Structure formats: C-alpha cells, structure tokens
Amino acid sequence: MRPQPKPAGPGQESVWDYPRPPRLETVHDDIRIIFAGVEIARTQAAFRVLETSHPPVYYLPPSAFQPDALVPASGGSFCEWKGRAVYFDVAAGGRRAERAAWAYPDPTSDFAAIRDFVAVYLGKMDACFVGAEKVLPQPGGFYGGWITSNIVGPFKGDPGTQGW
C-alpha cells in the first residue's frame, strides 16, 4: 500500500516525485564525510541517485577519500538498476566501520558515470554534510539515503515500509 506523501514546500523535493527506475544527477555542492573525528572525504564532484520513496544516495569519486580510508571488504550485493556492488570497511583515527561503504565497479550502462564512485552508510559515520547542512540517515539499516531539509517523505526504511 502506497503511503500518503507529505506535501513539498517551497524549495523542497518529495521522494515520491523521484522516478523508478532511478535517475542519476550531478551534484556540485560541497560534500563532506567525517569518521572517527577525521574528514575522510570531500568533493564538489559527486552524483546522487534519486529513486521513488528513497532519500538521495550520494556517490563520491574515489579520489575524494583520504588514502587508506577505504579497505576492501568481503561480500557484495546486487541492485536491479545499478548492478553488482562491492563493499568497503571505512577506517580512520584508529576506528573501523565494517561494510560501511560500497561501489559499483561495473555498473549498468545507465549508471556508468558512477563506476567506482563510493557511497557510505551515513548512520555508520560521525557526520555527513551537503553544503553546510549536516544530513540525517535514511531509516533502517539497509538503505543509504541522505535526508536533507529540502527532502520530504515518508521514506522507505522504517518498519512496515518493505513492501513499498
């Protein structure tokens, strides 16, 4: 059952207006990721993936990350839109977050622009920023969306939303 979308106000986007299959957009905002008190990544050349009912997932170029911040991890997953993902542990400041980041080394043609770009699970980081705004993680442990003040839901990930 589709939930009732919240109305988007001026300057806001509803995740219910995002497409399925998802759309890829270039992002030129300053994107920063903090882990273990260290800025492990920063870029103004990211992408975001927009998919119905999900907050955007941000993908950063590998060059945005500090050396040794991404450690290859075992396992993988499959996305019907993007293809097979590989995972990374995130390491800095003597801490390690297991399987906290992922990338698509051989994405589908529609997502070729994010080949090897890296996304992180915000909930496993100290903080992530889009511009000056500290963002919130998408609910649940599986999805990697970033919720900014200009995004309205409801968002997939909360209990009872699996069937959306």
C-alpha atoms as a PDB file:
ATOM      1  CA  MET A   1       0.000   0.000   0.000  1.00  0.00           C
ATOM      2  CA  ARG A   2       1.431   3.352  -1.042  1.00  0.00           C
ATOM      3  CA  PRO A   3       1.683   5.836   1.840  1.00  0.00           C
ATOM      4  CA  GLN A   4       0.387   9.380   1.737  1.00  0.00           C
ATOM      5  CA  PRO A   5       3.259  11.644   0.589  1.00  0.00           C
ATOM      6  CA  LYS A   6       3.930  14.756   2.655  1.00  0.00           C
ATOM      7  CA  PRO A   7       3.421  17.935   0.623  1.00  0.00           C
ATOM      8  CA  ALA A   8       6.648  19.541  -0.554  1.00  0.00           C
ATOM      9  CA  GLY A   9       7.031  23.181   0.422  1.00  0.00           C
ATOM     10  CA  PRO A  10       8.881  25.893  -1.495  1.00  0.00           C
ATOM     11  CA  GLY A  11      12.377  24.700  -2.417  1.00  0.00           C
ATOM     12  CA  GLN A  12      11.634  21.132  -1.306  1.00  0.00           C
ATOM     13  CA  GLU A  13      11.527  17.816  -3.172  1.00  0.00           C
ATOM     14  CA  SER A  14       9.237  14.892  -2.419  1.00  0.00           C
ATOM     15  CA  VAL A  15      10.844  11.481  -2.700  1.00  0.00           C
ATOM     16  CA  TRP A  16       7.519  10.394  -4.163  1.00  0.00           C
ATOM     17  CA  ASP A  17       8.241  12.532  -7.229  1.00  0.00           C
ATOM     18  CA  TYR A  18      11.532  10.688  -7.829  1.00  0.00           C
ATOM     19  CA  PRO A  19      11.407   8.190 -10.715  1.00  0.00           C
ATOM     20  CA  ARG A  20      11.516   4.433 -10.920  1.00  0.00           C
ATOM     21  CA  PRO A  21      13.831   3.337 -12.450  1.00  0.00           C
ATOM     22  CA  PRO A  22      16.099   5.759 -10.576  1.00  0.00           C
ATOM     23  CA  ARG A  23      17.715   8.864 -12.055  1.00  0.00           C
ATOM     24  CA  LEU A  24      21.336   9.940 -11.699  1.00  0.00           C
ATOM     25  CA  GLU A  25      22.153  13.634 -11.106  1.00  0.00           C
ATOM     26  CA  THR A  26      25.394  15.572 -10.844  1.00  0.00           C
ATOM     27  CA  VAL A  27      25.963  17.366  -7.517  1.00  0.00           C
ATOM     28  CA  HIS A  28      28.292  20.372  -7.200  1.00  0.00           C
ATOM     29  CA  ASP A  29      27.584  21.104  -3.517  1.00  0.00           C
ATOM     30  CA  ASP A  30      30.461  20.619  -1.107  1.00  0.00           C
ATOM     31  CA  ILE A  31      30.037  17.030   0.160  1.00  0.00           C
ATOM     32  CA  ARG A  32      31.951  16.036   3.315  1.00  0.00           C
ATOM     33  CA  ILE A  33      32.161  12.818   5.316  1.00  0.00           C
ATOM     34  CA  ILE A  34      33.505  12.719   8.886  1.00  0.00           C
ATOM     35  CA  PHE A  35      34.519   9.451  10.573  1.00  0.00           C
ATOM     36  CA  ALA A  36      36.440   8.995  13.836  1.00  0.00           C
ATOM     37  CA  GLY A  37      36.754  12.776  14.054  1.00  0.00           C
ATOM     38  CA  VAL A  38      38.575  12.868  10.695  1.00  0.00           C
ATOM     39  CA  GLU A  39      37.334  14.324   7.422  1.00  0.00           C
ATOM     40  CA  ILE A  40      37.779  11.196   5.321  1.00  0.00           C
ATOM     41  CA  ALA A  41      36.197  12.539   2.129  1.00  0.00           C
ATOM     42  CA  ARG A  42      35.397  15.842   0.453  1.00  0.00           C
ATOM     43  CA  THR A  43      34.319  16.740  -3.068  1.00  0.00           C
ATOM     44  CA  GLN A  44      32.294  19.103  -5.206  1.00  0.00           C
ATOM     45  CA  ALA A  45      32.028  16.486  -7.967  1.00  0.00           C
ATOM     46  CA  ALA A  46      29.540  13.920  -6.678  1.00  0.00           C
ATOM     47  CA  PHE A  47      26.426  12.247  -8.012  1.00  0.00           C
ATOM     48  CA  ARG A  48      23.149  11.458  -6.340  1.00  0.00           C
ATOM     49  CA  VAL A  49      20.749   8.673  -7.232  1.00  0.00           C
ATOM     50  CA  LEU A  50      17.056   9.542  -6.947  1.00  0.00           C
ATOM     51  CA  GLU A  51      14.579   6.678  -6.566  1.00  0.00           C
ATOM     52  CA  THR A  52      10.902   6.702  -5.598  1.00  0.00           C
ATOM     53  CA  SER A  53      10.385   6.682  -1.805  1.00  0.00           C
ATOM     54  CA  HIS A  54      14.128   6.941  -1.031  1.00  0.00           C
ATOM     55  CA  PRO A  55      16.186   9.949   0.037  1.00  0.00           C
ATOM     56  CA  PRO A  56      19.065  10.510  -2.413  1.00  0.00           C
ATOM     57  CA  VAL A  57      22.162   8.320  -2.170  1.00  0.00           C
ATOM     58  CA  TYR A  58      25.359  10.311  -2.734  1.00  0.00           C
ATOM     59  CA  TYR A  59      28.298   8.797  -4.649  1.00  0.00           C
ATOM     60  CA  LEU A  60      31.748  10.378  -4.351  1.00  0.00           C
ATOM     61  CA  PRO A  61      34.758   9.821  -6.594  1.00  0.00           C
ATOM     62  CA  PRO A  62      37.373   7.540  -5.030  1.00  0.00           C
ATOM     63  CA  SER A  63      39.860  10.436  -5.200  1.00  0.00           C
ATOM     64  CA  ALA A  64      37.675  12.335  -2.693  1.00  0.00           C
ATOM     65  CA  PHE A  65      38.637   9.869   0.051  1.00  0.00           C
ATOM     66  CA  GLN A  66      41.748  10.024   2.205  1.00  0.00           C
ATOM     67  CA  PRO A  67      44.322   7.322   1.451  1.00  0.00           C
ATOM     68  CA  ASP A  68      43.609   4.122   3.411  1.00  0.00           C
ATOM     69  CA  ALA A  69      40.097   5.288   4.416  1.00  0.00           C
ATOM     70  CA  LEU A  70      38.506   2.577   2.258  1.00  0.00           C
ATOM     71  CA  VAL A  71      39.506  -1.035   2.915  1.00  0.00           C
ATOM     72  CA  PRO A  72      38.061  -3.730   0.608  1.00  0.00           C
ATOM     73  CA  ALA A  73      35.578  -5.931   2.476  1.00  0.00           C
ATOM     74  CA  SER A  74      34.143  -9.349   1.707  1.00  0.00           C
ATOM     75  CA  GLY A  75      30.807  -9.982   0.079  1.00  0.00           C
ATOM     76  CA  GLY A  76      28.677  -7.931  -2.255  1.00  0.00           C
ATOM     77  CA  SER A  77      25.112  -7.246  -3.258  1.00  0.00           C
ATOM     78  CA  PHE A  78      23.075  -6.749  -6.401  1.00  0.00           C
ATOM     79  CA  CYS A  79      20.915  -3.812  -7.455  1.00  0.00           C
ATOM     80  CA  GLU A  80      18.456  -4.374 -10.275  1.00  0.00           C
ATOM     81  CA  TRP A  81      19.246  -0.887 -11.624  1.00  0.00           C
ATOM     82  CA  LYS A  82      22.975  -0.427 -10.990  1.00  0.00           C
ATOM     83  CA  GLY A  83      24.377  -3.977 -10.989  1.00  0.00           C
ATOM     84  CA  ARG A  84      26.774  -5.746  -8.626  1.00  0.00           C
ATOM     85  CA  ALA A  85      28.183  -3.787  -5.676  1.00  0.00           C
ATOM     86  CA  VAL A  86      31.404  -4.320  -3.760  1.00  0.00           C
ATOM     87  CA  TYR A  87      31.863  -3.212  -0.150  1.00  0.00           C
ATOM     88  CA  PHE A  88      34.472  -1.409   1.902  1.00  0.00           C
ATOM     89  CA  ASP A  89      35.218  -1.001   5.559  1.00  0.00           C
ATOM     90  CA  VAL A  90      35.855   2.623   6.491  1.00  0.00           C
ATOM     91  CA  ALA A  91      38.948   3.217   8.630  1.00  0.00           C
ATOM     92  CA  ALA A  92      40.368   6.343  10.292  1.00  0.00           C
ATOM     93  CA  GLY A  93      41.591   7.557  13.654  1.00  0.00           C
ATOM     94  CA  GLY A  94      42.031   4.025  14.978  1.00  0.00           C
ATOM     95  CA  ARG A  95      38.387   3.110  14.269  1.00  0.00           C
ATOM     96  CA  ARG A  96      36.855   0.846  11.661  1.00  0.00           C
ATOM     97  CA  ALA A  97      33.244   0.636  10.424  1.00  0.00           C
ATOM     98  CA  GLU A  98      32.624  -2.687   8.707  1.00  0.00           C
ATOM     99  CA  ARG A  99      30.941  -2.733   5.296  1.00  0.00           C
ATOM    100  CA  ALA A 100      30.154   0.963   5.688  1.00  0.00           C
ATOM    101  CA  ALA A 101      30.702   1.907   2.034  1.00  0.00           C
ATOM    102  CA  TRP A 102      30.030   0.433  -1.399  1.00  0.00           C
ATOM    103  CA  ALA A 103      30.719   0.985  -5.082  1.00  0.00           C
ATOM    104  CA  TYR A 104      29.815  -0.420  -8.488  1.00  0.00           C
ATOM    105  CA  PRO A 105      32.986  -1.408 -10.384  1.00  0.00           C
ATOM    106  CA  ASP A 106      30.998  -2.484 -13.460  1.00  0.00           C
ATOM    107  CA  PRO A 107      27.619  -0.701 -13.325  1.00  0.00           C
ATOM    108  CA  THR A 108      24.852  -0.961 -15.885  1.00  0.00           C
ATOM    109  CA  SER A 109      25.092   1.447 -18.822  1.00  0.00           C
ATOM    110  CA  ASP A 110      22.546   3.854 -17.283  1.00  0.00           C
ATOM    111  CA  PHE A 111      24.825   4.271 -14.255  1.00  0.00           C
ATOM    112  CA  ALA A 112      28.222   4.143 -15.976  1.00  0.00           C
ATOM    113  CA  ALA A 113      29.032   7.628 -14.618  1.00  0.00           C
ATOM    114  CA  ILE A 114      29.291   6.249 -11.068  1.00  0.00           C
ATOM    115  CA  ARG A 115      31.736   3.463 -11.945  1.00  0.00           C
ATOM    116  CA  ASP A 116      33.946   3.061  -8.836  1.00  0.00           C
ATOM    117  CA  PHE A 117      32.302   6.060  -7.112  1.00  0.00           C
ATOM    118  CA  VAL A 118      31.715   5.345  -3.425  1.00  0.00           C
ATOM    119  CA  ALA A 119      28.608   5.734  -1.254  1.00  0.00           C
ATOM    120  CA  VAL A 120      28.574   5.417   2.539  1.00  0.00           C
ATOM    121  CA  TYR A 121      26.039   4.394   5.128  1.00  0.00           C
ATOM    122  CA  LEU A 122      25.597   7.714   6.884  1.00  0.00           C
ATOM    123  CA  GLY A 123      24.493   6.014  10.115  1.00  0.00           C
ATOM    124  CA  LYS A 124      27.961   4.454  10.444  1.00  0.00           C
ATOM    125  CA  MET A 125      29.756   7.807  10.047  1.00  0.00           C
ATOM    126  CA  ASP A 126      30.152  10.588  12.620  1.00  0.00           C
ATOM    127  CA  ALA A 127      28.586  13.101  10.246  1.00  0.00           C
ATOM    128  CA  CYS A 128      27.980  13.831   6.580  1.00  0.00           C
ATOM    129  CA  PHE A 129      27.323  17.248   5.063  1.00  0.00           C
ATOM    130  CA  VAL A 130      25.740  18.592   1.901  1.00  0.00           C
ATOM    131  CA  GLY A 131      26.986  22.157   1.792  1.00  0.00           C
ATOM    132  CA  ALA A 132      26.819  23.440   5.371  1.00  0.00           C
ATOM    133  CA  GLU A 133      23.922  21.152   6.307  1.00  0.00           C
ATOM    134  CA  LYS A 134      24.529  18.084   8.464  1.00  0.00           C
ATOM    135  CA  VAL A 135      22.301  15.389   6.974  1.00  0.00           C
ATOM    136  CA  LEU A 136      20.296  12.574   8.586  1.00  0.00           C
ATOM    137  CA  PRO A 137      20.490   8.890   7.607  1.00  0.00           C
ATOM    138  CA  GLN A 138      17.660   7.117   5.860  1.00  0.00           C
ATOM    139  CA  PRO A 139      15.769   4.949   8.364  1.00  0.00           C
ATOM    140  CA  GLY A 140      16.623   1.272   8.599  1.00  0.00           C
ATOM    141  CA  GLY A 141      19.945  -0.465   8.181  1.00  0.00           C
ATOM    142  CA  PHE A 142      19.812  -1.459   4.526  1.00  0.00           C
ATOM    143  CA  TYR A 143      19.367   1.773   2.607  1.00  0.00           C
ATOM    144  CA  GLY A 144      21.966   4.516   2.256  1.00  0.00           C
ATOM    145  CA  GLY A 145      19.942   7.672   1.616  1.00  0.00           C
ATOM    146  CA  TRP A 146      20.842  11.099   2.981  1.00  0.00           C
ATOM    147  CA  ILE A 147      17.964  13.217   4.305  1.00  0.00           C
ATOM    148  CA  THR A 148      18.422  16.973   3.933  1.00  0.00           C
ATOM    149  CA  SER A 149      15.964  19.666   4.984  1.00  0.00           C
ATOM    150  CA  ASN A 150      14.765  20.073   1.394  1.00  0.00           C
ATOM    151  CA  ILE A 151      13.629  16.422   1.111  1.00  0.00           C
ATOM    152  CA  VAL A 152      10.208  15.231   2.325  1.00  0.00           C
ATOM    153  CA  GLY A 153       8.879  11.675   2.693  1.00  0.00           C
ATOM    154  CA  PRO A 154       7.712   9.447   4.156  1.00  0.00           C
ATOM    155  CA  PHE A 155      10.875   7.440   3.473  1.00  0.00           C
ATOM    156  CA  LYS A 156      11.309   3.752   2.817  1.00  0.00           C
ATOM    157  CA  GLY A 157      13.283   2.069   5.591  1.00  0.00           C
ATOM    158  CA  ASP A 158      11.052   2.487   8.628  1.00  0.00           C
ATOM    159  CA  PRO A 159       9.313  -0.630   9.998  1.00  0.00           C
ATOM    160  CA  GLY A 160       6.421  -1.648   7.750  1.00  0.00           C
ATOM    161  CA  THR A 161       7.806   0.013   4.611  1.00  0.00           C
ATOM    162  CA  GLN A 162       9.438  -3.023   2.977  1.00  0.00           C
ATOM    163  CA  GLY A 163       6.529  -3.533   0.565  1.00  0.00           C
ATOM    164  CA  TRP A 164       6.610  -0.014  -0.900  1.00  0.00           C
END
